[in-house]
Amino acid sequence: MTKLFITLLSFSLLLFFYGSCRSTKYQSPTDFPDRQIIFGSGGGIAGLVKTYTLLENGQLFKSSTMDSTYTALKASDKKRVSQVFNNYTFMGIDKINMNAPGNMYYFIEYKDKEDKEAKVHKITWGLGESPQEEANLNLFYSQLLSLVPKSK
């Protein structure tokens, strides 16, 4: 009887610790308390905007002007996501101040909710606006897009 009790207790503790080690999954990026990168594109005749929100925990959400709800996409590897957040500063994206959308435009918005003042930095650009800054923006934007699962 004692062996059964110890076995059940051990198993229960194991399940408890396993469950507490998993990261929290958020239903919406608006609930996420840490850093996030919002990126996407928009414009054209219809004026549609497609938005992706990457959370620091690896979760990725999609929304658009056609549907204001967030759809959870496949989460990304945490090491890869950590590298993306590091590249934001390393590539100097945090120093670029640009609000020059064209007919078709791209955007990257960085939110840091860890700060009490909730730091927000947004960049919007169209093609051919600033070639030197655009090179890093396009490279970083491509890195972000590589995290988006291919639609079938």
C-alpha atoms as a PDB file:
ATOM      1  CA  MET A   1       0.000   0.000   0.000  1.00  0.00           C
ATOM      2  CA  THR A   2       2.810   2.399   0.869  1.00  0.00           C
ATOM      3  CA  LYS A   3       4.588   1.642  -2.409  1.00  0.00           C
ATOM      4  CA  LEU A   4       1.418   2.421  -4.352  1.00  0.00           C
ATOM      5  CA  PHE A   5       0.982   5.695  -2.471  1.00  0.00           C
ATOM      6  CA  ILE A   6       4.604   6.733  -3.108  1.00  0.00           C
ATOM      7  CA  THR A   7       4.309   5.795  -6.781  1.00  0.00           C
ATOM      8  CA  LEU A   8       1.097   7.810  -7.203  1.00  0.00           C
ATOM      9  CA  LEU A   9       2.575  10.762  -5.324  1.00  0.00           C
ATOM     10  CA  SER A  10       5.736  10.667  -7.450  1.00  0.00           C
ATOM     11  CA  PHE A  11       3.720  10.483 -10.652  1.00  0.00           C
ATOM     12  CA  SER A  12       1.501  13.388  -9.542  1.00  0.00           C
ATOM     13  CA  LEU A  13       4.525  15.537  -8.716  1.00  0.00           C
ATOM     14  CA  LEU A  14       6.123  14.670 -12.036  1.00  0.00           C
ATOM     15  CA  LEU A  15       2.995  15.764 -13.913  1.00  0.00           C
ATOM     16  CA  PHE A  16       2.792  18.958 -11.865  1.00  0.00           C
ATOM     17  CA  PHE A  17       6.406  19.931 -12.581  1.00  0.00           C
ATOM     18  CA  TYR A  18       6.101  19.036 -16.253  1.00  0.00           C
ATOM     19  CA  GLY A  19       3.011  21.216 -16.588  1.00  0.00           C
ATOM     20  CA  SER A  20       4.638  24.148 -14.811  1.00  0.00           C
ATOM     21  CA  CYS A  21       7.681  24.085 -17.128  1.00  0.00           C
ATOM     22  CA  ARG A  22       5.662  24.638 -20.283  1.00  0.00           C
ATOM     23  CA  SER A  23       5.361  28.204 -21.484  1.00  0.00           C
ATOM     24  CA  THR A  24       2.016  29.934 -21.350  1.00  0.00           C
ATOM     25  CA  LYS A  25       0.045  29.996 -24.587  1.00  0.00           C
ATOM     26  CA  TYR A  26      -1.835  33.204 -25.240  1.00  0.00           C
ATOM     27  CA  GLN A  27      -5.136  33.348 -27.129  1.00  0.00           C
ATOM     28  CA  SER A  28      -4.418  36.839 -28.448  1.00  0.00           C
ATOM     29  CA  PRO A  29      -1.285  38.979 -28.761  1.00  0.00           C
ATOM     30  CA  THR A  30      -3.069  41.774 -26.901  1.00  0.00           C
ATOM     31  CA  ASP A  31      -2.739  39.711 -23.689  1.00  0.00           C
ATOM     32  CA  PHE A  32       1.014  39.134 -24.038  1.00  0.00           C
ATOM     33  CA  PRO A  33       3.028  41.040 -21.384  1.00  0.00           C
ATOM     34  CA  ASP A  34       6.466  41.060 -23.067  1.00  0.00           C
ATOM     35  CA  ARG A  35       8.084  42.099 -26.347  1.00  0.00           C
ATOM     36  CA  GLN A  36       6.408  41.539 -29.698  1.00  0.00           C
ATOM     37  CA  ILE A  37       7.074  42.396 -33.325  1.00  0.00           C
ATOM     38  CA  ILE A  38       4.130  43.218 -35.557  1.00  0.00           C
ATOM     39  CA  PHE A  39       4.795  43.133 -39.293  1.00  0.00           C
ATOM     40  CA  GLY A  40       2.930  42.954 -42.542  1.00  0.00           C
ATOM     41  CA  SER A  41       1.989  44.657 -45.766  1.00  0.00           C
ATOM     42  CA  GLY A  42      -0.893  46.565 -47.223  1.00  0.00           C
ATOM     43  CA  GLY A  43      -2.179  48.883 -49.884  1.00  0.00           C
ATOM     44  CA  GLY A  44      -3.133  48.390 -53.483  1.00  0.00           C
ATOM     45  CA  ILE A  45      -6.530  49.003 -55.033  1.00  0.00           C
ATOM     46  CA  ALA A  46      -8.439  47.139 -52.306  1.00  0.00           C
ATOM     47  CA  GLY A  47      -6.377  48.618 -49.462  1.00  0.00           C
ATOM     48  CA  LEU A  48      -6.093  45.258 -47.719  1.00  0.00           C
ATOM     49  CA  VAL A  49      -3.674  44.967 -44.810  1.00  0.00           C
ATOM     50  CA  LYS A  50      -2.218  41.623 -43.710  1.00  0.00           C
ATOM     51  CA  THR A  51      -0.708  41.655 -40.217  1.00  0.00           C
ATOM     52  CA  TYR A  52       1.407  39.131 -38.326  1.00  0.00           C
ATOM     53  CA  THR A  53       2.273  39.403 -34.640  1.00  0.00           C
ATOM     54  CA  LEU A  54       5.318  37.537 -33.335  1.00  0.00           C
ATOM     55  CA  LEU A  55       5.477  37.102 -29.575  1.00  0.00           C
ATOM     56  CA  GLU A  56       8.731  36.675 -27.708  1.00  0.00           C
ATOM     57  CA  ASN A  57       7.599  33.202 -26.571  1.00  0.00           C
ATOM     58  CA  GLY A  58       7.481  32.031 -30.225  1.00  0.00           C
ATOM     59  CA  GLN A  59       3.733  32.287 -30.824  1.00  0.00           C
ATOM     60  CA  LEU A  60       2.674  33.827 -34.127  1.00  0.00           C
ATOM     61  CA  PHE A  61      -0.721  35.333 -34.963  1.00  0.00           C
ATOM     62  CA  LYS A  62      -2.279  36.524 -38.202  1.00  0.00           C
ATOM     63  CA  SER A  63      -4.999  39.112 -38.790  1.00  0.00           C
ATOM     64  CA  SER A  64      -6.215  41.199 -41.706  1.00  0.00           C
ATOM     65  CA  THR A  65      -8.527  44.082 -42.501  1.00  0.00           C
ATOM     66  CA  MET A  66     -11.055  41.502 -43.727  1.00  0.00           C
ATOM     67  CA  ASP A  67     -11.108  39.733 -40.355  1.00  0.00           C
ATOM     68  CA  SER A  68     -10.176  41.606 -37.197  1.00  0.00           C
ATOM     69  CA  THR A  69      -9.781  38.444 -35.113  1.00  0.00           C
ATOM     70  CA  TYR A  70      -6.389  36.886 -34.486  1.00  0.00           C
ATOM     71  CA  THR A  71      -5.635  33.441 -35.867  1.00  0.00           C
ATOM     72  CA  ALA A  72      -2.874  31.487 -34.134  1.00  0.00           C
ATOM     73  CA  LEU A  73      -0.317  30.060 -36.558  1.00  0.00           C
ATOM     74  CA  LYS A  74       2.306  27.408 -35.886  1.00  0.00           C
ATOM     75  CA  ALA A  75       4.676  28.572 -33.143  1.00  0.00           C
ATOM     76  CA  SER A  76       8.318  29.111 -34.080  1.00  0.00           C
ATOM     77  CA  ASP A  77      11.435  27.714 -32.463  1.00  0.00           C
ATOM     78  CA  LYS A  78      12.365  29.850 -29.434  1.00  0.00           C
ATOM     79  CA  LYS A  79      16.057  30.065 -30.428  1.00  0.00           C
ATOM     80  CA  ARG A  80      15.115  31.353 -33.851  1.00  0.00           C
ATOM     81  CA  VAL A  81      12.653  33.868 -32.386  1.00  0.00           C
ATOM     82  CA  SER A  82      15.278  35.034 -29.895  1.00  0.00           C
ATOM     83  CA  GLN A  83      17.660  35.626 -32.819  1.00  0.00           C
ATOM     84  CA  VAL A  84      15.002  37.700 -34.618  1.00  0.00           C
ATOM     85  CA  PHE A  85      14.487  39.898 -31.554  1.00  0.00           C
ATOM     86  CA  ASN A  86      18.278  40.310 -31.204  1.00  0.00           C
ATOM     87  CA  ASN A  87      18.595  41.176 -34.905  1.00  0.00           C
ATOM     88  CA  TYR A  88      16.094  43.996 -34.470  1.00  0.00           C
ATOM     89  CA  THR A  89      18.745  45.906 -32.525  1.00  0.00           C
ATOM     90  CA  PHE A  90      21.847  44.366 -34.137  1.00  0.00           C
ATOM     91  CA  MET A  91      20.734  45.366 -37.657  1.00  0.00           C
ATOM     92  CA  GLY A  92      19.853  48.879 -36.485  1.00  0.00           C
ATOM     93  CA  ILE A  93      16.139  48.547 -37.192  1.00  0.00           C
ATOM     94  CA  ASP A  94      15.460  50.241 -33.842  1.00  0.00           C
ATOM     95  CA  LYS A  95      17.299  53.364 -35.104  1.00  0.00           C
ATOM     96  CA  ILE A  96      15.373  53.739 -38.377  1.00  0.00           C
ATOM     97  CA  ASN A  97      12.662  56.388 -38.378  1.00  0.00           C
ATOM     98  CA  MET A  98      10.639  56.073 -41.552  1.00  0.00           C
ATOM     99  CA  ASN A  99       7.007  56.681 -42.343  1.00  0.00           C
ATOM    100  CA  ALA A 100       6.970  56.646 -46.135  1.00  0.00           C
ATOM    101  CA  PRO A 101       4.294  54.260 -47.385  1.00  0.00           C
ATOM    102  CA  GLY A 102       3.746  53.937 -51.089  1.00  0.00           C
ATOM    103  CA  ASN A 103       0.772  52.465 -52.908  1.00  0.00           C
ATOM    104  CA  MET A 104       1.981  49.088 -51.659  1.00  0.00           C
ATOM    105  CA  TYR A 105       3.748  49.305 -48.312  1.00  0.00           C
ATOM    106  CA  TYR A 106       5.381  47.224 -45.602  1.00  0.00           C
ATOM    107  CA  PHE A 107       5.570  47.820 -41.879  1.00  0.00           C
ATOM    108  CA  ILE A 108       7.390  46.628 -38.794  1.00  0.00           C
ATOM    109  CA  GLU A 109       6.286  47.626 -35.314  1.00  0.00           C
ATOM    110  CA  TYR A 110       8.196  46.751 -32.169  1.00  0.00           C
ATOM    111  CA  LYS A 111       6.413  46.767 -28.808  1.00  0.00           C
ATOM    112  CA  ASP A 112       8.145  46.348 -25.486  1.00  0.00           C
ATOM    113  CA  LYS A 113       5.549  46.058 -22.744  1.00  0.00           C
ATOM    114  CA  GLU A 114       8.215  45.261 -20.133  1.00  0.00           C
ATOM    115  CA  ASP A 115       8.901  48.983 -19.822  1.00  0.00           C
ATOM    116  CA  LYS A 116       6.397  50.871 -17.717  1.00  0.00           C
ATOM    117  CA  GLU A 117       5.963  53.289 -20.612  1.00  0.00           C
ATOM    118  CA  ALA A 118       5.327  50.527 -23.188  1.00  0.00           C
ATOM    119  CA  LYS A 119       7.899  51.418 -25.841  1.00  0.00           C
ATOM    120  CA  VAL A 120       6.525  51.314 -29.409  1.00  0.00           C
ATOM    121  CA  HIS A 121       8.575  51.863 -32.579  1.00  0.00           C
ATOM    122  CA  LYS A 122       6.897  51.669 -35.990  1.00  0.00           C
ATOM    123  CA  ILE A 123       8.432  51.828 -39.463  1.00  0.00           C
ATOM    124  CA  THR A 124       6.412  52.019 -42.683  1.00  0.00           C
ATOM    125  CA  TRP A 125       7.971  52.019 -46.140  1.00  0.00           C
ATOM    126  CA  GLY A 126       7.213  51.524 -49.794  1.00  0.00           C
ATOM    127  CA  LEU A 127       9.678  50.260 -52.356  1.00  0.00           C
ATOM    128  CA  GLY A 128      12.397  52.685 -53.436  1.00  0.00           C
ATOM    129  CA  GLU A 129      11.967  55.125 -50.536  1.00  0.00           C
ATOM    130  CA  SER A 130      15.429  54.956 -48.959  1.00  0.00           C
ATOM    131  CA  PRO A 131      17.731  52.390 -50.596  1.00  0.00           C
ATOM    132  CA  GLN A 132      20.332  52.195 -47.813  1.00  0.00           C
ATOM    133  CA  GLU A 133      17.876  51.809 -44.934  1.00  0.00           C
ATOM    134  CA  GLU A 134      15.594  49.722 -47.116  1.00  0.00           C
ATOM    135  CA  ALA A 135      18.270  47.048 -47.589  1.00  0.00           C
ATOM    136  CA  ASN A 136      18.329  46.248 -43.856  1.00  0.00           C
ATOM    137  CA  LEU A 137      14.561  46.612 -43.572  1.00  0.00           C
ATOM    138  CA  ASN A 138      13.970  44.195 -46.451  1.00  0.00           C
ATOM    139  CA  LEU A 139      16.476  41.706 -45.031  1.00  0.00           C
ATOM    140  CA  PHE A 140      14.887  41.852 -41.572  1.00  0.00           C
ATOM    141  CA  TYR A 141      11.387  41.697 -43.077  1.00  0.00           C
ATOM    142  CA  SER A 142      12.408  38.572 -45.036  1.00  0.00           C
ATOM    143  CA  GLN A 143      13.639  37.015 -41.811  1.00  0.00           C
ATOM    144  CA  LEU A 144      10.257  37.726 -40.209  1.00  0.00           C
ATOM    145  CA  LEU A 145       8.371  36.294 -43.201  1.00  0.00           C
ATOM    146  CA  SER A 146      10.444  33.104 -43.003  1.00  0.00           C
ATOM    147  CA  LEU A 147       8.713  32.410 -39.664  1.00  0.00           C
ATOM    148  CA  VAL A 148       5.266  32.451 -41.295  1.00  0.00           C
ATOM    149  CA  PRO A 149       4.136  28.933 -42.265  1.00  0.00           C
ATOM    150  CA  LYS A 150       3.514  28.468 -45.978  1.00  0.00           C
ATOM    151  CA  SER A 151      -0.194  28.250 -46.807  1.00  0.00           C
ATOM    152  CA  LYS A 152      -1.349  25.098 -48.507  1.00  0.00           C
END
